[in-house]
mmCIF file of all heavy atoms, coordinates in Angstrom:
data_MODEL
# 
_entry.id   MODEL 
# 
loop_
_atom_site.group_PDB 
_atom_site.id 
_atom_site.type_symbol 
_atom_site.label_atom_id 
_atom_site.label_alt_id 
_atom_site.label_comp_id 
_atom_site.label_asym_id 
_atom_site.label_entity_id 
_atom_site.label_seq_id 
_atom_site.pdbx_PDB_ins_code 
_atom_site.Cartn_x 
_atom_site.Cartn_y 
_atom_site.Cartn_z 
_atom_site.occupancy 
_atom_site.B_iso_or_equiv 
_atom_site.pdbx_formal_charge 
_atom_site.auth_seq_id 
_atom_site.auth_comp_id 
_atom_site.auth_asym_id 
_atom_site.auth_atom_id 
_atom_site.pdbx_PDB_model_num 
ATOM 1   N N   . ARG A 1 1  ? 0.829  -1.159  -0.017 1.00 0.00 ? 1  ARG A N   1 
ATOM 2   C CA  . ARG A 1 1  ? -0.001 -0.004  0.021  1.00 0.00 ? 1  ARG A CA  1 
ATOM 3   C C   . ARG A 1 1  ? 0.821  1.226   -0.023 1.00 0.00 ? 1  ARG A C   1 
ATOM 4   O O   . ARG A 1 1  ? 1.786  1.374   0.752  1.00 0.00 ? 1  ARG A O   1 
ATOM 5   C CB  . ARG A 1 1  ? -0.882 0.047   1.250  1.00 0.00 ? 1  ARG A CB  1 
ATOM 6   C CG  . ARG A 1 1  ? -1.918 1.067   1.257  1.00 0.00 ? 1  ARG A CG  1 
ATOM 7   C CD  . ARG A 1 1  ? -2.765 1.089   2.485  1.00 0.00 ? 1  ARG A CD  1 
ATOM 8   N NE  . ARG A 1 1  ? -2.027 1.704   3.582  1.00 0.00 ? 1  ARG A NE  1 
ATOM 9   C CZ  . ARG A 1 1  ? -1.922 1.288   4.799  1.00 0.00 ? 1  ARG A CZ  1 
ATOM 10  N NH1 . ARG A 1 1  ? -2.513 0.116   5.148  1.00 0.00 ? 1  ARG A NH1 1 
ATOM 11  N NH2 . ARG A 1 1  ? -1.199 1.904   5.721  1.00 0.00 ? 1  ARG A NH2 1 
ATOM 12  N N   . VAL A 1 2  ? 0.608  2.192   -0.913 1.00 0.00 ? 2  VAL A N   1 
ATOM 13  C CA  . VAL A 1 2  ? 1.312  3.427   -0.959 1.00 0.00 ? 2  VAL A CA  1 
ATOM 14  C C   . VAL A 1 2  ? 0.416  4.634   -0.570 1.00 0.00 ? 2  VAL A C   1 
ATOM 15  O O   . VAL A 1 2  ? 0.948  5.700   -0.224 1.00 0.00 ? 2  VAL A O   1 
ATOM 16  C CB  . VAL A 1 2  ? 2.028  3.656   -2.316 1.00 0.00 ? 2  VAL A CB  1 
ATOM 17  C CG1 . VAL A 1 2  ? 3.152  2.690   -2.512 1.00 0.00 ? 2  VAL A CG1 1 
ATOM 18  C CG2 . VAL A 1 2  ? 0.988  3.634   -3.488 1.00 0.00 ? 2  VAL A CG2 1 
ATOM 19  N N   . GLU A 1 3  ? -0.860 4.438   -0.668 1.00 0.00 ? 3  GLU A N   1 
ATOM 20  C CA  . GLU A 1 3  ? -1.749 5.495   -0.262 1.00 0.00 ? 3  GLU A CA  1 
ATOM 21  C C   . GLU A 1 3  ? -2.989 4.815   0.445  1.00 0.00 ? 3  GLU A C   1 
ATOM 22  O O   . GLU A 1 3  ? -3.612 3.889   -0.084 1.00 0.00 ? 3  GLU A O   1 
ATOM 23  C CB  . GLU A 1 3  ? -2.345 6.312   -1.437 1.00 0.00 ? 3  GLU A CB  1 
ATOM 24  C CG  . GLU A 1 3  ? -1.303 7.203   -2.072 1.00 0.00 ? 3  GLU A CG  1 
ATOM 25  C CD  . GLU A 1 3  ? -0.862 8.295   -1.162 1.00 0.00 ? 3  GLU A CD  1 
ATOM 26  O OE1 . GLU A 1 3  ? -1.655 8.856   -0.357 1.00 0.00 ? 3  GLU A OE1 1 
ATOM 27  O OE2 . GLU A 1 3  ? 0.263  8.752   -1.292 1.00 0.00 ? 3  GLU A OE2 1 
ATOM 28  N N   . PRO A 1 4  ? -3.371 5.073   1.631  1.00 0.00 ? 4  PRO A N   1 
ATOM 29  C CA  . PRO A 1 4  ? -2.608 5.998   2.538  1.00 0.00 ? 4  PRO A CA  1 
ATOM 30  C C   . PRO A 1 4  ? -1.226 5.396   2.857  1.00 0.00 ? 4  PRO A C   1 
ATOM 31  O O   . PRO A 1 4  ? -1.039 4.178   2.933  1.00 0.00 ? 4  PRO A O   1 
ATOM 32  C CB  . PRO A 1 4  ? -3.417 6.087   3.784  1.00 0.00 ? 4  PRO A CB  1 
ATOM 33  C CG  . PRO A 1 4  ? -4.362 5.001   3.749  1.00 0.00 ? 4  PRO A CG  1 
ATOM 34  C CD  . PRO A 1 4  ? -4.526 4.548   2.286  1.00 0.00 ? 4  PRO A CD  1 
ATOM 35  N N   . CYS A 1 5  ? -0.304 6.261   3.053  1.00 0.00 ? 5  CYS A N   1 
ATOM 36  C CA  . CYS A 1 5  ? 1.062  5.837   3.272  1.00 0.00 ? 5  CYS A CA  1 
ATOM 37  C C   . CYS A 1 5  ? 1.275  4.837   4.373  1.00 0.00 ? 5  CYS A C   1 
ATOM 38  O O   . CYS A 1 5  ? 0.644  5.009   5.413  1.00 0.00 ? 5  CYS A O   1 
ATOM 39  C CB  . CYS A 1 5  ? 1.899  7.121   3.560  1.00 0.00 ? 5  CYS A CB  1 
ATOM 40  S SG  . CYS A 1 5  ? 3.690  6.837   3.699  1.00 0.00 ? 5  CYS A SG  1 
ATOM 41  N N   . LEU A 1 6  ? 2.118  3.856   4.158  1.00 0.00 ? 6  LEU A N   1 
ATOM 42  C CA  . LEU A 1 6  ? 2.417  2.902   5.151  1.00 0.00 ? 6  LEU A CA  1 
ATOM 43  C C   . LEU A 1 6  ? 3.252  3.547   6.225  1.00 0.00 ? 6  LEU A C   1 
ATOM 44  O O   . LEU A 1 6  ? 4.154  4.334   5.946  1.00 0.00 ? 6  LEU A O   1 
ATOM 45  C CB  . LEU A 1 6  ? 3.332  1.745   4.574  1.00 0.00 ? 6  LEU A CB  1 
ATOM 46  C CG  . LEU A 1 6  ? 2.589  0.677   3.771  1.00 0.00 ? 6  LEU A CG  1 
ATOM 47  C CD1 . LEU A 1 6  ? 3.571  -0.261  3.132  1.00 0.00 ? 6  LEU A CD1 1 
ATOM 48  C CD2 . LEU A 1 6  ? 1.704  -0.157  4.733  1.00 0.00 ? 6  LEU A CD2 1 
ATOM 49  N N   . ARG A 1 7  ? 2.981  3.226   7.420  1.00 0.00 ? 7  ARG A N   1 
ATOM 50  C CA  . ARG A 1 7  ? 3.741  3.761   8.590  1.00 0.00 ? 7  ARG A CA  1 
ATOM 51  C C   . ARG A 1 7  ? 4.953  2.900   8.845  1.00 0.00 ? 7  ARG A C   1 
ATOM 52  O O   . ARG A 1 7  ? 5.004  1.773   8.352  1.00 0.00 ? 7  ARG A O   1 
ATOM 53  C CB  . ARG A 1 7  ? 2.819  3.825   9.780  1.00 0.00 ? 7  ARG A CB  1 
ATOM 54  C CG  . ARG A 1 7  ? 1.558  4.781   9.443  1.00 0.00 ? 7  ARG A CG  1 
ATOM 55  C CD  . ARG A 1 7  ? 0.710  4.972   10.662 1.00 0.00 ? 7  ARG A CD  1 
ATOM 56  N NE  . ARG A 1 7  ? 1.472  5.627   11.682 1.00 0.00 ? 7  ARG A NE  1 
ATOM 57  C CZ  . ARG A 1 7  ? 1.123  6.803   12.271 1.00 0.00 ? 7  ARG A CZ  1 
ATOM 58  N NH1 . ARG A 1 7  ? 0.005  7.341   11.866 1.00 0.00 ? 7  ARG A NH1 1 
ATOM 59  N NH2 . ARG A 1 7  ? 1.840  7.345   13.185 1.00 0.00 ? 7  ARG A NH2 1 
ATOM 60  N N   . LEU A 1 8  ? 5.860  3.423   9.591  1.00 0.00 ? 8  LEU A N   1 
ATOM 61  C CA  . LEU A 1 8  ? 7.190  2.663   9.857  1.00 0.00 ? 8  LEU A CA  1 
ATOM 62  C C   . LEU A 1 8  ? 6.913  1.283   10.403 1.00 0.00 ? 8  LEU A C   1 
ATOM 63  O O   . LEU A 1 8  ? 7.455  0.320   9.889  1.00 0.00 ? 8  LEU A O   1 
ATOM 64  C CB  . LEU A 1 8  ? 8.031  3.476   10.774 1.00 0.00 ? 8  LEU A CB  1 
ATOM 65  C CG  . LEU A 1 8  ? 9.334  2.829   11.193 1.00 0.00 ? 8  LEU A CG  1 
ATOM 66  C CD1 . LEU A 1 8  ? 10.255 2.585   9.960  1.00 0.00 ? 8  LEU A CD1 1 
ATOM 67  C CD2 . LEU A 1 8  ? 10.063 3.657   12.253 1.00 0.00 ? 8  LEU A CD2 1 
ATOM 68  N N   . GLY A 1 9  ? 6.105  1.095   11.423 1.00 0.00 ? 9  GLY A N   1 
ATOM 69  C CA  . GLY A 1 9  ? 5.759  -0.118  11.962 1.00 0.00 ? 9  GLY A CA  1 
ATOM 70  C C   . GLY A 1 9  ? 5.161  -1.138  11.014 1.00 0.00 ? 9  GLY A C   1 
ATOM 71  O O   . GLY A 1 9  ? 5.566  -2.303  10.946 1.00 0.00 ? 9  GLY A O   1 
ATOM 72  N N   . GLU A 1 10 ? 4.278  -0.625  10.105 1.00 0.00 ? 10 GLU A N   1 
ATOM 73  C CA  . GLU A 1 10 ? 3.710  -1.512  9.071  1.00 0.00 ? 10 GLU A CA  1 
ATOM 74  C C   . GLU A 1 10 ? 4.742  -2.005  8.060  1.00 0.00 ? 10 GLU A C   1 
ATOM 75  O O   . GLU A 1 10 ? 4.667  -3.179  7.662  1.00 0.00 ? 10 GLU A O   1 
ATOM 76  C CB  . GLU A 1 10 ? 2.610  -0.754  8.345  1.00 0.00 ? 10 GLU A CB  1 
ATOM 77  C CG  . GLU A 1 10 ? 1.415  -0.428  9.211  1.00 0.00 ? 10 GLU A CG  1 
ATOM 78  C CD  . GLU A 1 10 ? 0.421  0.548   8.499  1.00 0.00 ? 10 GLU A CD  1 
ATOM 79  O OE1 . GLU A 1 10 ? 0.856  1.512   7.849  1.00 0.00 ? 10 GLU A OE1 1 
ATOM 80  O OE2 . GLU A 1 10 ? -0.784 0.339   8.601  1.00 0.00 ? 10 GLU A OE2 1 
ATOM 81  N N   . ILE A 1 11 ? 5.676  -1.129  7.723  1.00 0.00 ? 11 ILE A N   1 
ATOM 82  C CA  . ILE A 1 11 ? 6.770  -1.555  6.780  1.00 0.00 ? 11 ILE A CA  1 
ATOM 83  C C   . ILE A 1 11 ? 7.607  -2.603  7.407  1.00 0.00 ? 11 ILE A C   1 
ATOM 84  O O   . ILE A 1 11 ? 7.993  -3.583  6.789  1.00 0.00 ? 11 ILE A O   1 
ATOM 85  C CB  . ILE A 1 11 ? 7.543  -0.276  6.372  1.00 0.00 ? 11 ILE A CB  1 
ATOM 86  C CG1 . ILE A 1 11 ? 6.693  0.619   5.492  1.00 0.00 ? 11 ILE A CG1 1 
ATOM 87  C CG2 . ILE A 1 11 ? 8.847  -0.741  5.586  1.00 0.00 ? 11 ILE A CG2 1 
ATOM 88  C CD1 . ILE A 1 11 ? 7.327  1.994   5.286  1.00 0.00 ? 11 ILE A CD1 1 
ATOM 89  N N   . LEU A 1 12 ? 8.027  -2.355  8.650  1.00 0.00 ? 12 LEU A N   1 
ATOM 90  C CA  . LEU A 1 12 ? 8.930  -3.316  9.325  1.00 0.00 ? 12 LEU A CA  1 
ATOM 91  C C   . LEU A 1 12 ? 8.305  -4.656  9.539  1.00 0.00 ? 12 LEU A C   1 
ATOM 92  O O   . LEU A 1 12 ? 8.857  -5.732  9.427  1.00 0.00 ? 12 LEU A O   1 
ATOM 93  C CB  . LEU A 1 12 ? 9.327  -2.776  10.674 1.00 0.00 ? 12 LEU A CB  1 
ATOM 94  C CG  . LEU A 1 12 ? 10.251 -1.500  10.668 1.00 0.00 ? 12 LEU A CG  1 
ATOM 95  C CD1 . LEU A 1 12 ? 10.414 -0.805  11.998 1.00 0.00 ? 12 LEU A CD1 1 
ATOM 96  C CD2 . LEU A 1 12 ? 11.607 -1.882  10.046 1.00 0.00 ? 12 LEU A CD2 1 
ATOM 97  N N   . ILE A 1 13 ? 6.948  -4.698  9.782  1.00 0.00 ? 13 ILE A N   1 
ATOM 98  C CA  . ILE A 1 13 ? 6.215  -5.962  9.902  1.00 0.00 ? 13 ILE A CA  1 
ATOM 99  C C   . ILE A 1 13 ? 6.073  -6.627  8.469  1.00 0.00 ? 13 ILE A C   1 
ATOM 100 O O   . ILE A 1 13 ? 6.356  -7.787  8.304  1.00 0.00 ? 13 ILE A O   1 
ATOM 101 C CB  . ILE A 1 13 ? 4.783  -5.726  10.464 1.00 0.00 ? 13 ILE A CB  1 
ATOM 102 C CG1 . ILE A 1 13 ? 4.956  -5.469  11.983 1.00 0.00 ? 13 ILE A CG1 1 
ATOM 103 C CG2 . ILE A 1 13 ? 3.930  -6.953  10.259 1.00 0.00 ? 13 ILE A CG2 1 
ATOM 104 C CD1 . ILE A 1 13 ? 3.639  -5.040  12.667 1.00 0.00 ? 13 ILE A CD1 1 
ATOM 105 N N   . ALA A 1 14 ? 5.784  -5.849  7.462  1.00 0.00 ? 14 ALA A N   1 
ATOM 106 C CA  . ALA A 1 14 ? 5.660  -6.344  6.121  1.00 0.00 ? 14 ALA A CA  1 
ATOM 107 C C   . ALA A 1 14 ? 6.958  -7.028  5.662  1.00 0.00 ? 14 ALA A C   1 
ATOM 108 O O   . ALA A 1 14 ? 6.849  -8.072  4.938  1.00 0.00 ? 14 ALA A O   1 
ATOM 109 C CB  . ALA A 1 14 ? 5.240  -5.241  5.181  1.00 0.00 ? 14 ALA A CB  1 
ATOM 110 N N   . PHE A 1 15 ? 8.028  -6.498  5.966  1.00 0.00 ? 15 PHE A N   1 
ATOM 111 C CA  . PHE A 1 15 ? 9.354  -7.090  5.610  1.00 0.00 ? 15 PHE A CA  1 
ATOM 112 C C   . PHE A 1 15 ? 9.966  -7.990  6.676  1.00 0.00 ? 15 PHE A C   1 
ATOM 113 O O   . PHE A 1 15 ? 11.153 -8.354  6.592  1.00 0.00 ? 15 PHE A O   1 
ATOM 114 C CB  . PHE A 1 15 ? 10.356 -5.902  5.259  1.00 0.00 ? 15 PHE A CB  1 
ATOM 115 C CG  . PHE A 1 15 ? 10.059 -5.292  3.981  1.00 0.00 ? 15 PHE A CG  1 
ATOM 116 C CD1 . PHE A 1 15 ? 9.628  -4.000  3.894  1.00 0.00 ? 15 PHE A CD1 1 
ATOM 117 C CD2 . PHE A 1 15 ? 10.221 -5.986  2.740  1.00 0.00 ? 15 PHE A CD2 1 
ATOM 118 C CE1 . PHE A 1 15 ? 9.307  -3.377  2.733  1.00 0.00 ? 15 PHE A CE1 1 
ATOM 119 C CE2 . PHE A 1 15 ? 9.839  -5.383  1.554  1.00 0.00 ? 15 PHE A CE2 1 
ATOM 120 C CZ  . PHE A 1 15 ? 9.451  -4.063  1.544  1.00 0.00 ? 15 PHE A CZ  1 
ATOM 121 N N   . LYS A 1 16 ? 9.072  -8.369  7.666  1.00 0.00 ? 16 LYS A N   1 
ATOM 122 C CA  . LYS A 1 16 ? 9.437  -9.314  8.648  1.00 0.00 ? 16 LYS A CA  1 
ATOM 123 C C   . LYS A 1 16 ? 10.663 -8.945  9.510  1.00 0.00 ? 16 LYS A C   1 
ATOM 124 O O   . LYS A 1 16 ? 11.520 -9.760  9.841  1.00 0.00 ? 16 LYS A O   1 
ATOM 125 C CB  . LYS A 1 16 ? 9.576  -10.721 8.105  1.00 0.00 ? 16 LYS A CB  1 
ATOM 126 C CG  . LYS A 1 16 ? 8.329  -11.313 7.493  1.00 0.00 ? 16 LYS A CG  1 
ATOM 127 C CD  . LYS A 1 16 ? 8.457  -12.619 6.858  1.00 0.00 ? 16 LYS A CD  1 
ATOM 128 C CE  . LYS A 1 16 ? 7.291  -13.196 6.269  1.00 0.00 ? 16 LYS A CE  1 
ATOM 129 N NZ  . LYS A 1 16 ? 6.207  -12.543 5.831  1.00 0.00 ? 16 LYS A NZ  1 
ATOM 130 N N   . LYS A 1 17 ? 10.789 -7.610  9.749  1.00 0.00 ? 17 LYS A N   1 
ATOM 131 C CA  . LYS A 1 17 ? 11.931 -7.151  10.582 1.00 0.00 ? 17 LYS A CA  1 
ATOM 132 C C   . LYS A 1 17 ? 11.549 -7.112  12.073 1.00 0.00 ? 17 LYS A C   1 
ATOM 133 O O   . LYS A 1 17 ? 12.376 -7.204  12.911 1.00 0.00 ? 17 LYS A O   1 
ATOM 134 C CB  . LYS A 1 17 ? 12.404 -5.736  10.140 1.00 0.00 ? 17 LYS A CB  1 
ATOM 135 C CG  . LYS A 1 17 ? 12.893 -5.687  8.727  1.00 0.00 ? 17 LYS A CG  1 
ATOM 136 C CD  . LYS A 1 17 ? 14.183 -6.524  8.596  1.00 0.00 ? 17 LYS A CD  1 
ATOM 137 C CE  . LYS A 1 17 ? 14.784 -6.429  7.249  1.00 0.00 ? 17 LYS A CE  1 
ATOM 138 N NZ  . LYS A 1 17 ? 15.913 -7.289  7.048  1.00 0.00 ? 17 LYS A NZ  1 
ATOM 139 N N   . ILE A 1 18 ? 10.285 -7.048  12.364 1.00 0.00 ? 18 ILE A N   1 
ATOM 140 C CA  . ILE A 1 18 ? 9.685  -7.029  13.684 1.00 0.00 ? 18 ILE A CA  1 
ATOM 141 C C   . ILE A 1 18 ? 8.388  -7.815  13.655 1.00 0.00 ? 18 ILE A C   1 
ATOM 142 O O   . ILE A 1 18 ? 7.821  -8.032  12.626 1.00 0.00 ? 18 ILE A O   1 
ATOM 143 C CB  . ILE A 1 18 ? 9.508  -5.689  14.391 1.00 0.00 ? 18 ILE A CB  1 
ATOM 144 C CG1 . ILE A 1 18 ? 8.481  -4.829  13.577 1.00 0.00 ? 18 ILE A CG1 1 
ATOM 145 C CG2 . ILE A 1 18 ? 10.862 -4.963  14.400 1.00 0.00 ? 18 ILE A CG2 1 
ATOM 146 C CD1 . ILE A 1 18 ? 8.099  -3.543  14.265 1.00 0.00 ? 18 ILE A CD1 1 
ATOM 147 N N   . THR A 1 19 ? 8.005  -8.230  14.850 1.00 0.00 ? 19 THR A N   1 
ATOM 148 C CA  . THR A 1 19 ? 6.645  -8.935  14.958 1.00 0.00 ? 19 THR A CA  1 
ATOM 149 C C   . THR A 1 19 ? 5.607  -7.905  15.329 1.00 0.00 ? 19 THR A C   1 
ATOM 150 O O   . THR A 1 19 ? 5.944  -6.778  15.847 1.00 0.00 ? 19 THR A O   1 
ATOM 151 C CB  . THR A 1 19 ? 6.673  -10.021 16.013 1.00 0.00 ? 19 THR A CB  1 
ATOM 152 O OG1 . THR A 1 19 ? 6.965  -9.456  17.303 1.00 0.00 ? 19 THR A OG1 1 
ATOM 153 C CG2 . THR A 1 19 ? 7.807  -11.123 15.650 1.00 0.00 ? 19 THR A CG2 1 
ATOM 154 N N   . ARG A 1 20 ? 4.382  -8.267  15.221 1.00 0.00 ? 20 ARG A N   1 
ATOM 155 C CA  . ARG A 1 20 ? 3.240  -7.396  15.656 1.00 0.00 ? 20 ARG A CA  1 
ATOM 156 C C   . ARG A 1 20 ? 3.348  -7.162  17.125 1.00 0.00 ? 20 ARG A C   1 
ATOM 157 O O   . ARG A 1 20 ? 3.125  -6.063  17.596 1.00 0.00 ? 20 ARG A O   1 
ATOM 158 C CB  . ARG A 1 20 ? 1.935  -7.978  15.263 1.00 0.00 ? 20 ARG A CB  1 
ATOM 159 C CG  . ARG A 1 20 ? 0.755  -7.005  15.685 1.00 0.00 ? 20 ARG A CG  1 
ATOM 160 C CD  . ARG A 1 20 ? -0.403 -7.171  14.839 1.00 0.00 ? 20 ARG A CD  1 
ATOM 161 N NE  . ARG A 1 20 ? -0.249 -7.077  13.427 1.00 0.00 ? 20 ARG A NE  1 
ATOM 162 C CZ  . ARG A 1 20 ? -0.238 -5.892  12.723 1.00 0.00 ? 20 ARG A CZ  1 
ATOM 163 N NH1 . ARG A 1 20 ? -0.251 -4.777  13.392 1.00 0.00 ? 20 ARG A NH1 1 
ATOM 164 N NH2 . ARG A 1 20 ? -0.080 -5.920  11.410 1.00 0.00 ? 20 ARG A NH2 1 
ATOM 165 N N   . LYS A 1 21 ? 3.731  -8.170  17.906 1.00 0.00 ? 21 LYS A N   1 
ATOM 166 C CA  . LYS A 1 21 ? 3.895  -8.013  19.355 1.00 0.00 ? 21 LYS A CA  1 
ATOM 167 C C   . LYS A 1 21 ? 5.038  -7.019  19.737 1.00 0.00 ? 21 LYS A C   1 
ATOM 168 O O   . LYS A 1 21 ? 4.780  -6.190  20.582 1.00 0.00 ? 21 LYS A O   1 
ATOM 169 C CB  . LYS A 1 21 ? 4.208  -9.382  19.951 1.00 0.00 ? 21 LYS A CB  1 
ATOM 170 C CG  . LYS A 1 21 ? 4.520  -9.385  21.453 1.00 0.00 ? 21 LYS A CG  1 
ATOM 171 C CD  . LYS A 1 21 ? 3.304  -9.235  22.301 1.00 0.00 ? 21 LYS A CD  1 
ATOM 172 C CE  . LYS A 1 21 ? 3.589  -9.417  23.776 1.00 0.00 ? 21 LYS A CE  1 
ATOM 173 N NZ  . LYS A 1 21 ? 3.464  -8.239  24.574 1.00 0.00 ? 21 LYS A NZ  1 
ATOM 174 N N   . GLU A 1 22 ? 6.117  -7.012  18.981 1.00 0.00 ? 22 GLU A N   1 
ATOM 175 C CA  . GLU A 1 22 ? 7.198  -6.144  19.236 1.00 0.00 ? 22 GLU A CA  1 
ATOM 176 C C   . GLU A 1 22 ? 6.708  -4.740  18.897 1.00 0.00 ? 22 GLU A C   1 
ATOM 177 O O   . GLU A 1 22 ? 7.046  -3.754  19.660 1.00 0.00 ? 22 GLU A O   1 
ATOM 178 C CB  . GLU A 1 22 ? 8.453  -6.451  18.429 1.00 0.00 ? 22 GLU A CB  1 
ATOM 179 C CG  . GLU A 1 22 ? 9.120  -7.723  18.876 1.00 0.00 ? 22 GLU A CG  1 
ATOM 180 C CD  . GLU A 1 22 ? 10.223 -8.211  18.005 1.00 0.00 ? 22 GLU A CD  1 
ATOM 181 O OE1 . GLU A 1 22 ? 10.053 -8.091  16.750 1.00 0.00 ? 22 GLU A OE1 1 
ATOM 182 O OE2 . GLU A 1 22 ? 11.167 -8.836  18.473 1.00 0.00 ? 22 GLU A OE2 1 
ATOM 183 N N   . LEU A 1 23 ? 5.972  -4.551  17.833 1.00 0.00 ? 23 LEU A N   1 
ATOM 184 C CA  . LEU A 1 23 ? 5.416  -3.261  17.532 1.00 0.00 ? 23 LEU A CA  1 
ATOM 185 C C   . LEU A 1 23 ? 4.467  -2.724  18.548 1.00 0.00 ? 23 LEU A C   1 
ATOM 186 O O   . LEU A 1 23 ? 4.544  -1.633  19.042 1.00 0.00 ? 23 LEU A O   1 
ATOM 187 C CB  . LEU A 1 23 ? 4.753  -3.231  16.115 1.00 0.00 ? 23 LEU A CB  1 
ATOM 188 C CG  . LEU A 1 23 ? 3.931  -1.995  15.743 1.00 0.00 ? 23 LEU A CG  1 
ATOM 189 C CD1 . LEU A 1 23 ? 5.052  -0.824  15.596 1.00 0.00 ? 23 LEU A CD1 1 
ATOM 190 C CD2 . LEU A 1 23 ? 3.228  -2.170  14.409 1.00 0.00 ? 23 LEU A CD2 1 
ATOM 191 N N   . GLU A 1 24 ? 3.592  -3.597  19.012 1.00 0.00 ? 24 GLU A N   1 
ATOM 192 C CA  . GLU A 1 24 ? 2.658  -3.203  20.036 1.00 0.00 ? 24 GLU A CA  1 
ATOM 193 C C   . GLU A 1 24 ? 3.294  -2.762  21.324 1.00 0.00 ? 24 GLU A C   1 
ATOM 194 O O   . GLU A 1 24 ? 2.936  -1.817  21.965 1.00 0.00 ? 24 GLU A O   1 
ATOM 195 C CB  . GLU A 1 24 ? 1.584  -4.302  20.275 1.00 0.00 ? 24 GLU A CB  1 
ATOM 196 C CG  . GLU A 1 24 ? 0.597  -4.536  19.180 1.00 0.00 ? 24 GLU A CG  1 
ATOM 197 C CD  . GLU A 1 24 ? -0.155 -5.825  19.269 1.00 0.00 ? 24 GLU A CD  1 
ATOM 198 O OE1 . GLU A 1 24 ? 0.036  -6.542  20.257 1.00 0.00 ? 24 GLU A OE1 1 
ATOM 199 O OE2 . GLU A 1 24 ? -1.024 -6.049  18.395 1.00 0.00 ? 24 GLU A OE2 1 
ATOM 200 N N   . ASP A 1 25 ? 4.374  -3.518  21.728 1.00 0.00 ? 25 ASP A N   1 
ATOM 201 C CA  . ASP A 1 25 ? 5.126  -3.194  22.928 1.00 0.00 ? 25 ASP A CA  1 
ATOM 202 C C   . ASP A 1 25 ? 5.824  -1.827  22.722 1.00 0.00 ? 25 ASP A C   1 
ATOM 203 O O   . ASP A 1 25 ? 5.782  -1.044  23.642 1.00 0.00 ? 25 ASP A O   1 
ATOM 204 C CB  . ASP A 1 25 ? 6.192  -4.277  23.207 1.00 0.00 ? 25 ASP A CB  1 
ATOM 205 C CG  . ASP A 1 25 ? 5.586  -5.596  23.679 1.00 0.00 ? 25 ASP A CG  1 
ATOM 206 O OD1 . ASP A 1 25 ? 4.412  -5.653  23.972 1.00 0.00 ? 25 ASP A OD1 1 
ATOM 207 O OD2 . ASP A 1 25 ? 6.328  -6.576  23.670 1.00 0.00 ? 25 ASP A OD2 1 
ATOM 208 N N   . ALA A 1 26 ? 6.390  -1.565  21.628 1.00 0.00 ? 26 ALA A N   1 
ATOM 209 C CA  . ALA A 1 26 ? 7.110  -0.289  21.349 1.00 0.00 ? 26 ALA A CA  1 
ATOM 210 C C   . ALA A 1 26 ? 6.125  0.838   21.333 1.00 0.00 ? 26 ALA A C   1 
ATOM 211 O O   . ALA A 1 26 ? 6.333  1.922   21.873 1.00 0.00 ? 26 ALA A O   1 
ATOM 212 C CB  . ALA A 1 26 ? 7.838  -0.338  20.084 1.00 0.00 ? 26 ALA A CB  1 
ATOM 213 N N   . LEU A 1 27 ? 4.912  0.580   20.760 1.00 0.00 ? 27 LEU A N   1 
ATOM 214 C CA  . LEU A 1 27 ? 3.942  1.683   20.720 1.00 0.00 ? 27 LEU A CA  1 
ATOM 215 C C   . LEU A 1 27 ? 3.357  1.950   22.181 1.00 0.00 ? 27 LEU A C   1 
ATOM 216 O O   . LEU A 1 27 ? 3.051  3.125   22.537 1.00 0.00 ? 27 LEU A O   1 
ATOM 217 C CB  . LEU A 1 27 ? 2.742  1.285   19.773 1.00 0.00 ? 27 LEU A CB  1 
ATOM 218 C CG  . LEU A 1 27 ? 3.036  1.402   18.260 1.00 0.00 ? 27 LEU A CG  1 
ATOM 219 C CD1 . LEU A 1 27 ? 1.941  0.779   17.475 1.00 0.00 ? 27 LEU A CD1 1 
ATOM 220 C CD2 . LEU A 1 27 ? 3.435  2.775   17.844 1.00 0.00 ? 27 LEU A CD2 1 
ATOM 221 N N   . GLU A 1 28 ? 3.265  0.856   22.922 1.00 0.00 ? 28 GLU A N   1 
ATOM 222 C CA  . GLU A 1 28 ? 2.833  1.072   24.307 1.00 0.00 ? 28 GLU A CA  1 
ATOM 223 C C   . GLU A 1 28 ? 3.818  1.990   25.109 1.00 0.00 ? 28 GLU A C   1 
ATOM 224 O O   . GLU A 1 28 ? 3.407  2.901   25.911 1.00 0.00 ? 28 GLU A O   1 
ATOM 225 C CB  . GLU A 1 28 ? 2.780  -0.271  25.055 1.00 0.00 ? 28 GLU A CB  1 
ATOM 226 C CG  . GLU A 1 28 ? 2.055  -0.152  26.389 1.00 0.00 ? 28 GLU A CG  1 
ATOM 227 C CD  . GLU A 1 28 ? 1.835  -1.628  27.009 1.00 0.00 ? 28 GLU A CD  1 
ATOM 228 O OE1 . GLU A 1 28 ? 1.438  -2.508  26.280 1.00 0.00 ? 28 GLU A OE1 1 
ATOM 229 O OE2 . GLU A 1 28 ? 2.171  -1.764  28.178 1.00 0.00 ? 28 GLU A OE2 1 
ATOM 230 N N   . ILE A 1 29 ? 5.120  1.760   24.858 1.00 0.00 ? 29 ILE A N   1 
ATOM 231 C CA  . ILE A 1 29 ? 6.158  2.579   25.481 1.00 0.00 ? 29 ILE A CA  1 
ATOM 232 C C   . ILE A 1 29 ? 5.997  4.077   24.943 1.00 0.00 ? 29 ILE A C   1 
ATOM 233 O O   . ILE A 1 29 ? 6.006  4.988   25.757 1.00 0.00 ? 29 ILE A O   1 
ATOM 234 C CB  . ILE A 1 29 ? 7.571  2.049   25.149 1.00 0.00 ? 29 ILE A CB  1 
ATOM 235 C CG1 . ILE A 1 29 ? 7.758  0.722   25.896 1.00 0.00 ? 29 ILE A CG1 1 
ATOM 236 C CG2 . ILE A 1 29 ? 8.634  3.127   25.565 1.00 0.00 ? 29 ILE A CG2 1 
ATOM 237 C CD1 . ILE A 1 29 ? 9.051  -0.029  25.459 1.00 0.00 ? 29 ILE A CD1 1 
# 
């Protein structure tokens, strides 16, 4: 997806650099 723009966390998950749980933990912080 390019519109609406992908956010950093979505890109990292799409390319399997982080898991959804890691993203949720970072967003909680």
